[in-house]
C-alpha atoms as a PDB file:
ATOM      1  CA  MET A   1      58.226 -60.070 -65.671  1.00  0.00           C
ATOM      2  CA  GLU A   2      58.291 -62.588 -62.773  1.00  0.00           C
ATOM      3  CA  GLU A   3      55.687 -63.536 -60.423  1.00  0.00           C
ATOM      4  CA  LYS A   4      55.966 -62.743 -56.772  1.00  0.00           C
ATOM      5  CA  ARG A   5      54.245 -62.753 -53.333  1.00  0.00           C
ATOM      6  CA  LEU A   6      52.445 -59.268 -52.816  1.00  0.00           C
ATOM      7  CA  ALA A   7      51.264 -60.386 -49.567  1.00  0.00           C
ATOM      8  CA  ALA A   8      51.063 -62.943 -46.804  1.00  0.00           C
ATOM      9  CA  LYS A   9      49.777 -62.948 -43.248  1.00  0.00           C
ATOM     10  CA  THR A  10      46.968 -63.795 -40.940  1.00  0.00           C
ATOM     11  CA  LEU A  11      44.114 -61.282 -40.923  1.00  0.00           C
ATOM     12  CA  THR A  12      42.554 -59.486 -37.945  1.00  0.00           C
ATOM     13  CA  ASP A  13      39.371 -57.686 -37.783  1.00  0.00           C
ATOM     14  CA  SER A  14      40.377 -54.526 -38.331  1.00  0.00           C
ATOM     15  CA  GLU A  15      40.738 -53.539 -42.291  1.00  0.00           C
ATOM     16  CA  GLU A  16      44.459 -53.329 -42.930  1.00  0.00           C
ATOM     17  CA  SER A  17      46.361 -52.661 -45.906  1.00  0.00           C
ATOM     18  CA  LEU A  18      48.418 -55.431 -47.648  1.00  0.00           C
ATOM     19  CA  TYR A  19      49.677 -53.874 -50.781  1.00  0.00           C
ATOM     20  CA  ASN A  20      49.885 -50.125 -52.222  1.00  0.00           C
ATOM     21  CA  ASN A  21      51.817 -49.218 -55.049  1.00  0.00           C
ATOM     22  CA  SER A  22      50.897 -46.446 -57.752  1.00  0.00           C
ATOM     23  CA  ALA A  23      52.276 -48.753 -60.470  1.00  0.00           C
ATOM     24  CA  GLY A  24      50.161 -51.825 -59.310  1.00  0.00           C
ATOM     25  CA  ALA A  25      50.306 -54.828 -59.846  1.00  0.00           C
ATOM     26  CA  ILE A  26      48.443 -58.037 -61.861  1.00  0.00           C
ATOM     27  CA  VAL A  27      46.946 -60.215 -58.927  1.00  0.00           C
ATOM     28  CA  LYS A  28      46.880 -63.876 -60.017  1.00  0.00           C
ATOM     29  CA  THR A  29      46.214 -66.010 -57.125  1.00  0.00           C
ATOM     30  CA  ILE A  30      44.879 -65.099 -53.586  1.00  0.00           C
ATOM     31  CA  LEU A  31      44.592 -68.077 -51.236  1.00  0.00           C
ATOM     32  CA  LEU A  32      42.538 -67.866 -48.108  1.00  0.00           C
ATOM     33  CA  HIS A  33      42.148 -70.519 -45.241  1.00  0.00           C
ATOM     34  CA  ASN A  34      40.322 -70.263 -42.262  1.00  0.00           C
ATOM     35  CA  SER A  35      41.976 -71.531 -39.488  1.00  0.00           C
ATOM     36  CA  ASN A  36      39.198 -70.812 -36.757  1.00  0.00           C
ATOM     37  CA  ASN A  37      36.619 -73.241 -35.558  1.00  0.00           C
ATOM     38  CA  GLU A  38      33.672 -71.051 -36.856  1.00  0.00           C
ATOM     39  CA  GLN A  39      32.701 -69.915 -40.295  1.00  0.00           C
ATOM     40  CA  LYS A  40      34.127 -66.201 -40.995  1.00  0.00           C
ATOM     41  CA  GLU A  41      33.516 -63.377 -43.291  1.00  0.00           C
ATOM     42  CA  VAL A  42      36.753 -61.830 -45.218  1.00  0.00           C
ATOM     43  CA  THR A  43      36.663 -58.460 -46.767  1.00  0.00           C
ATOM     44  CA  LEU A  44      39.055 -58.210 -49.771  1.00  0.00           C
ATOM     45  CA  ASN A  45      39.025 -54.366 -50.751  1.00  0.00           C
ATOM     46  CA  PHE A  46      40.661 -53.657 -54.199  1.00  0.00           C
ATOM     47  CA  ASP A  47      41.256 -49.808 -55.029  1.00  0.00           C
ATOM     48  CA  GLY A  48      38.450 -48.978 -52.437  1.00  0.00           C
ATOM     49  CA  VAL A  49      35.500 -51.428 -53.796  1.00  0.00           C
ATOM     50  CA  ALA A  50      35.093 -54.132 -51.306  1.00  0.00           C
ATOM     51  CA  PHE A  51      34.028 -57.987 -51.828  1.00  0.00           C
ATOM     52  CA  LEU A  52      32.707 -60.264 -49.208  1.00  0.00           C
ATOM     53  CA  PHE A  53      33.395 -63.744 -48.965  1.00  0.00           C
ATOM     54  CA  THR A  54      32.071 -66.485 -46.412  1.00  0.00           C
ATOM     55  CA  ILE A  55      34.520 -69.069 -45.537  1.00  0.00           C
ATOM     56  CA  ASN A  56      33.630 -72.402 -43.820  1.00  0.00           C
ATOM     57  CA  SER A  57      35.976 -73.587 -40.661  1.00  0.00           C
ATOM     58  CA  LYS A  58      39.055 -75.158 -41.865  1.00  0.00           C
ATOM     59  CA  GLU A  59      38.173 -74.162 -45.484  1.00  0.00           C
ATOM     60  CA  THR A  60      40.739 -73.092 -47.878  1.00  0.00           C
ATOM     61  CA  ARG A  61      39.541 -70.869 -51.138  1.00  0.00           C
ATOM     62  CA  THR A  62      41.775 -70.163 -53.795  1.00  0.00           C
ATOM     63  CA  LEU A  63      40.689 -67.577 -56.004  1.00  0.00           C
ATOM     64  CA  ARG A  64      42.219 -67.347 -59.646  1.00  0.00           C
ATOM     65  CA  SER A  65      40.614 -64.180 -61.425  1.00  0.00           C
ATOM     66  CA  PRO A  66      43.176 -61.781 -62.573  1.00  0.00           C
ATOM     67  CA  LEU A  67      42.786 -58.359 -61.921  1.00  0.00           C
ATOM     68  CA  VAL A  68      45.054 -55.355 -61.842  1.00  0.00           C
ATOM     69  CA  THR A  69      44.944 -53.148 -58.581  1.00  0.00           C
ATOM     70  CA  ASN A  70      47.288 -50.413 -56.935  1.00  0.00           C
ATOM     71  CA  SER A  71      45.541 -50.995 -53.294  1.00  0.00           C
ATOM     72  CA  ILE A  72      44.625 -54.030 -51.541  1.00  0.00           C
ATOM     73  CA  LYS A  73      43.395 -54.062 -47.947  1.00  0.00           C
ATOM     74  CA  ALA A  74      41.605 -57.127 -46.095  1.00  0.00           C
ATOM     75  CA  SER A  75      40.089 -58.010 -43.038  1.00  0.00           C
ATOM     76  CA  GLY A  76      38.754 -61.180 -41.285  1.00  0.00           C
ATOM     77  CA  ALA A  77      40.233 -62.610 -37.811  1.00  0.00           C
ATOM     78  CA  GLY A  78      42.108 -65.410 -37.992  1.00  0.00           C
ATOM     79  CA  VAL A  79      42.189 -66.000 -41.729  1.00  0.00           C
ATOM     80  CA  ASN A  80      45.377 -66.744 -43.614  1.00  0.00           C
ATOM     81  CA  ILE A  81      45.637 -65.001 -46.639  1.00  0.00           C
ATOM     82  CA  HIS A  82      48.633 -65.281 -49.571  1.00  0.00           C
ATOM     83  CA  ILE A  83      48.530 -63.296 -52.425  1.00  0.00           C
ATOM     84  CA  SER A  84      50.974 -63.669 -55.816  1.00  0.00           C
ATOM     85  CA  GLY A  85      50.921 -61.673 -58.929  1.00  0.00           C
ATOM     86  CA  ILE A  86      52.963 -59.759 -61.143  1.00  0.00           C
ATOM     87  CA  GLN A  87      54.315 -56.202 -59.879  1.00  0.00           C
ATOM     88  CA  LEU A  88      54.004 -53.646 -63.038  1.00  0.00           C
ATOM     89  CA  GLY A  89      56.107 -50.676 -63.444  1.00  0.00           C
ATOM     90  CA  GLY A  90      59.566 -52.829 -62.806  1.00  0.00           C
ATOM     91  CA  ALA A  91      59.705 -52.463 -59.061  1.00  0.00           C
END
C-alpha cells in the first residue's frame, strides 16, 4: 500500500465532501493553512462526526493522528487543506 493524496483544495463556508469511498482510507496527515487575515474556524467531519479547529491568521496546522474513515467533509472559508493517506481495498 502506498500513501497518496486524498484531497487538496481551498475550503469554503459551506460543508463539502472531500473524500468518499466505501472501502475507506487511513488518513495519515492533514495540513490546514489559514490564508485569511483573521482567525477562522474549520470543521472536519469524519464519517458523520464533526471536529472543530480554530486557526489563527496565516497559521499552518499539521494533524498527524492516523484514523480510518470512509467519508471526509469540511468547511472553513479560505483555509487550504491537504489530506494524504492510504486508500484501502486496492482502489
